N, C-alpha and C. Protein backbone atom coordinates (compact mmCIF):
# COMPACT_ATOMS: atom_id res chain seq x y z
N MET A 1 -47.04 64.60 25.35
CA MET A 1 -46.21 65.83 25.27
C MET A 1 -46.17 66.31 23.76
N GLN A 2 -46.42 67.66 23.65
CA GLN A 2 -46.37 68.39 22.23
C GLN A 2 -44.94 68.60 21.66
N PRO A 3 -44.65 68.43 20.50
CA PRO A 3 -43.53 68.74 19.99
C PRO A 3 -43.12 70.18 19.89
N ASP A 4 -41.83 70.76 20.02
CA ASP A 4 -41.56 72.34 20.04
C ASP A 4 -41.25 72.48 18.52
N PHE A 5 -42.07 72.98 17.85
CA PHE A 5 -41.81 73.13 16.28
C PHE A 5 -40.74 74.20 16.14
N LYS A 6 -40.64 75.15 16.97
CA LYS A 6 -39.62 76.16 16.84
C LYS A 6 -38.33 75.46 16.92
N GLU A 7 -38.17 74.55 17.85
CA GLU A 7 -36.77 73.96 18.11
C GLU A 7 -36.70 72.71 16.75
N ILE A 8 -37.70 72.19 16.37
CA ILE A 8 -37.57 71.33 15.18
C ILE A 8 -37.16 72.05 14.03
N ALA A 9 -37.77 73.42 13.94
CA ALA A 9 -37.41 74.13 12.67
C ALA A 9 -35.94 74.77 12.63
N THR A 10 -35.33 74.91 14.05
CA THR A 10 -34.09 75.19 14.26
C THR A 10 -33.15 74.04 13.68
N THR A 11 -33.61 72.92 14.19
CA THR A 11 -32.54 71.62 13.94
C THR A 11 -32.66 71.46 12.15
N VAL A 12 -33.74 71.68 11.59
CA VAL A 12 -34.03 71.53 10.18
C VAL A 12 -32.94 72.53 9.56
N ALA A 13 -33.21 73.98 10.16
CA ALA A 13 -32.39 74.91 9.54
C ALA A 13 -30.91 74.82 9.62
N ASN A 14 -30.39 74.34 10.55
CA ASN A 14 -29.10 74.14 10.76
C ASN A 14 -28.42 73.32 9.92
N ASP A 15 -29.48 72.13 9.18
CA ASP A 15 -28.85 71.12 8.25
C ASP A 15 -29.89 70.95 7.17
N PRO A 16 -30.42 71.80 6.44
CA PRO A 16 -31.51 71.50 5.42
C PRO A 16 -31.13 70.34 4.57
N ALA A 17 -30.07 70.07 4.15
CA ALA A 17 -29.50 69.14 3.20
C ALA A 17 -29.95 67.70 3.90
N SER A 18 -30.08 67.56 4.99
CA SER A 18 -30.55 66.28 5.57
C SER A 18 -31.77 66.00 5.54
N TYR A 19 -32.68 66.92 5.08
CA TYR A 19 -33.98 66.58 5.04
C TYR A 19 -34.67 66.97 3.61
N LYS A 20 -35.98 66.75 3.32
CA LYS A 20 -36.57 67.05 2.11
C LYS A 20 -38.04 67.28 2.31
N LEU A 21 -38.79 67.97 1.43
CA LEU A 21 -40.01 68.35 1.59
C LEU A 21 -41.00 67.28 0.88
N CYS A 22 -41.97 66.82 1.40
CA CYS A 22 -43.07 66.13 0.63
C CYS A 22 -43.72 66.90 -0.39
N ALA A 23 -43.67 66.28 -1.62
CA ALA A 23 -44.34 67.23 -2.58
C ALA A 23 -45.95 67.18 -2.75
N VAL A 24 -46.48 66.35 -1.70
CA VAL A 24 -47.91 66.28 -1.63
C VAL A 24 -48.58 67.22 -0.56
N CYS A 25 -47.97 66.92 0.62
CA CYS A 25 -48.43 67.67 1.79
C CYS A 25 -47.54 68.78 2.32
N GLY A 26 -46.33 68.75 1.76
CA GLY A 26 -45.46 69.85 2.31
C GLY A 26 -44.85 69.48 3.70
N ALA A 27 -44.82 68.37 4.16
CA ALA A 27 -44.21 68.02 5.30
C ALA A 27 -42.65 67.85 5.12
N VAL A 28 -42.00 68.47 6.23
CA VAL A 28 -40.37 68.15 6.11
C VAL A 28 -40.19 66.73 6.75
N VAL A 29 -39.47 66.02 5.90
CA VAL A 29 -38.96 64.62 6.42
C VAL A 29 -37.49 64.38 6.41
N ASP A 30 -37.06 63.33 7.05
CA ASP A 30 -35.63 62.92 7.05
C ASP A 30 -35.25 62.63 5.55
N ARG A 31 -34.26 62.94 5.07
CA ARG A 31 -33.69 62.71 3.72
C ARG A 31 -33.67 61.29 3.28
N ASP A 32 -33.59 60.30 4.50
CA ASP A 32 -33.52 59.06 3.97
C ASP A 32 -35.05 58.35 4.14
N ALA A 33 -36.09 58.94 4.18
CA ALA A 33 -37.46 58.51 4.27
C ALA A 33 -37.68 57.96 2.77
N ALA A 34 -38.23 56.91 2.85
CA ALA A 34 -38.90 56.42 1.45
C ALA A 34 -40.15 56.97 1.14
N THR A 35 -41.02 57.22 2.28
CA THR A 35 -42.35 57.71 2.03
C THR A 35 -42.57 58.81 2.97
N CYS A 36 -43.54 59.48 2.75
CA CYS A 36 -43.94 60.53 3.67
C CYS A 36 -44.72 59.91 4.92
N PRO A 37 -44.16 60.20 6.07
CA PRO A 37 -44.96 59.58 7.41
C PRO A 37 -46.30 60.15 7.49
N ASP A 38 -46.53 61.43 7.05
CA ASP A 38 -47.73 62.12 7.07
C ASP A 38 -49.09 61.55 6.15
N CYS A 39 -48.55 61.36 4.95
CA CYS A 39 -49.48 61.13 3.72
C CYS A 39 -49.38 59.94 2.93
N THR A 40 -47.95 59.30 3.18
CA THR A 40 -47.60 58.10 2.44
C THR A 40 -47.21 58.40 1.16
N ALA A 41 -47.06 59.63 0.58
CA ALA A 41 -46.68 60.12 -0.75
C ALA A 41 -45.00 59.58 -0.66
N TYR A 42 -44.77 59.46 -2.07
CA TYR A 42 -43.31 59.36 -2.21
C TYR A 42 -42.60 60.09 -3.38
N ARG A 43 -43.17 61.23 -3.63
CA ARG A 43 -42.39 62.30 -4.27
C ARG A 43 -41.97 63.47 -3.39
N PHE A 44 -40.84 64.09 -3.68
CA PHE A 44 -40.18 64.80 -2.72
C PHE A 44 -39.19 65.95 -3.41
N ASP A 45 -39.17 67.07 -2.78
CA ASP A 45 -38.47 68.26 -3.18
C ASP A 45 -37.21 67.99 -2.38
N THR A 46 -36.08 67.89 -2.77
CA THR A 46 -34.87 67.89 -2.02
C THR A 46 -34.05 69.12 -2.15
N ASP A 47 -34.56 70.12 -2.57
CA ASP A 47 -33.77 71.53 -2.66
C ASP A 47 -33.52 71.99 -1.32
N PRO A 48 -32.26 72.08 -0.79
CA PRO A 48 -32.21 72.66 0.53
C PRO A 48 -32.94 73.88 0.94
N GLU A 49 -32.73 74.94 -0.19
CA GLU A 49 -33.37 76.13 0.12
C GLU A 49 -34.81 76.22 0.39
N HIS A 50 -35.50 75.15 -0.53
CA HIS A 50 -36.90 75.05 -0.12
C HIS A 50 -37.26 74.40 1.22
N VAL A 51 -36.32 73.59 1.68
CA VAL A 51 -36.39 72.78 2.96
C VAL A 51 -36.37 73.91 4.01
N LEU A 52 -35.25 74.78 3.83
CA LEU A 52 -35.05 75.81 4.83
C LEU A 52 -36.11 76.74 4.85
N ASN A 53 -36.69 77.14 3.74
CA ASN A 53 -37.82 78.09 3.86
C ASN A 53 -39.00 77.55 4.41
N ARG A 54 -39.47 76.33 4.07
CA ARG A 54 -40.67 75.49 4.76
C ARG A 54 -40.40 75.40 6.18
N ALA A 55 -39.41 74.95 6.51
CA ALA A 55 -38.85 74.98 8.10
C ALA A 55 -39.46 76.13 8.94
N LEU A 56 -38.78 77.33 8.35
CA LEU A 56 -38.86 78.57 8.93
C LEU A 56 -40.18 78.84 8.79
N ASP A 57 -41.05 78.70 7.86
CA ASP A 57 -42.43 79.05 7.77
C ASP A 57 -43.22 78.11 8.88
N LEU A 58 -43.01 76.86 8.99
CA LEU A 58 -43.71 76.05 10.03
C LEU A 58 -43.24 76.48 11.27
N GLY A 59 -42.13 76.79 11.54
CA GLY A 59 -41.76 77.08 12.96
C GLY A 59 -42.25 78.50 13.39
N SER A 60 -42.67 79.24 12.47
CA SER A 60 -43.11 80.61 12.65
C SER A 60 -44.72 80.54 13.02
N LYS A 61 -45.50 79.53 12.65
CA LYS A 61 -46.85 79.44 12.76
C LYS A 61 -47.34 78.72 14.09
N PRO A 62 -48.42 79.00 14.60
CA PRO A 62 -49.06 77.92 15.69
C PRO A 62 -49.40 76.75 15.07
N ARG A 63 -49.14 75.87 16.05
CA ARG A 63 -49.53 74.51 15.51
C ARG A 63 -51.14 74.34 15.27
N SER A 64 -51.62 73.73 14.15
CA SER A 64 -53.00 73.73 13.78
C SER A 64 -53.39 72.31 13.23
N SER A 65 -52.62 71.27 13.43
CA SER A 65 -52.84 69.90 13.04
C SER A 65 -52.92 68.99 14.34
N VAL A 66 -53.47 67.82 14.14
CA VAL A 66 -53.59 66.82 15.21
C VAL A 66 -52.55 65.79 14.60
N THR A 67 -51.73 65.30 15.17
CA THR A 67 -50.87 63.89 14.88
C THR A 67 -51.02 62.90 15.83
N HIS A 68 -50.31 61.76 15.29
CA HIS A 68 -50.40 60.59 16.03
C HIS A 68 -49.68 60.75 17.30
N LEU A 69 -49.01 61.95 17.70
CA LEU A 69 -48.49 62.20 19.10
C LEU A 69 -49.49 62.80 20.12
N ASP A 70 -50.51 63.17 19.52
CA ASP A 70 -51.54 63.74 20.31
C ASP A 70 -52.12 62.70 21.13
N THR A 71 -52.56 62.71 22.50
CA THR A 71 -53.37 61.92 23.22
C THR A 71 -54.43 62.48 23.79
N VAL A 72 -55.54 61.80 24.15
CA VAL A 72 -56.93 62.02 24.48
C VAL A 72 -56.60 61.99 26.20
N GLU A 73 -56.93 63.03 26.88
CA GLU A 73 -56.85 62.97 28.29
C GLU A 73 -58.22 63.04 28.84
């Protein structure tokens, strides 16, 4: 099942202070994460305005990457 990025972006936009941005790959991650689940980096941007802008940007674009949630059928 593919994640609904617009729904995820809405969740992040409703509470951007609970998330942060990976400074390496730009992923939006939970504020409590010690490392980025996508690239394992440990540097983050915690500015809620930057998180909000990135979430809205990601939510408006079509999905273009393959994640661990994808399956081969």
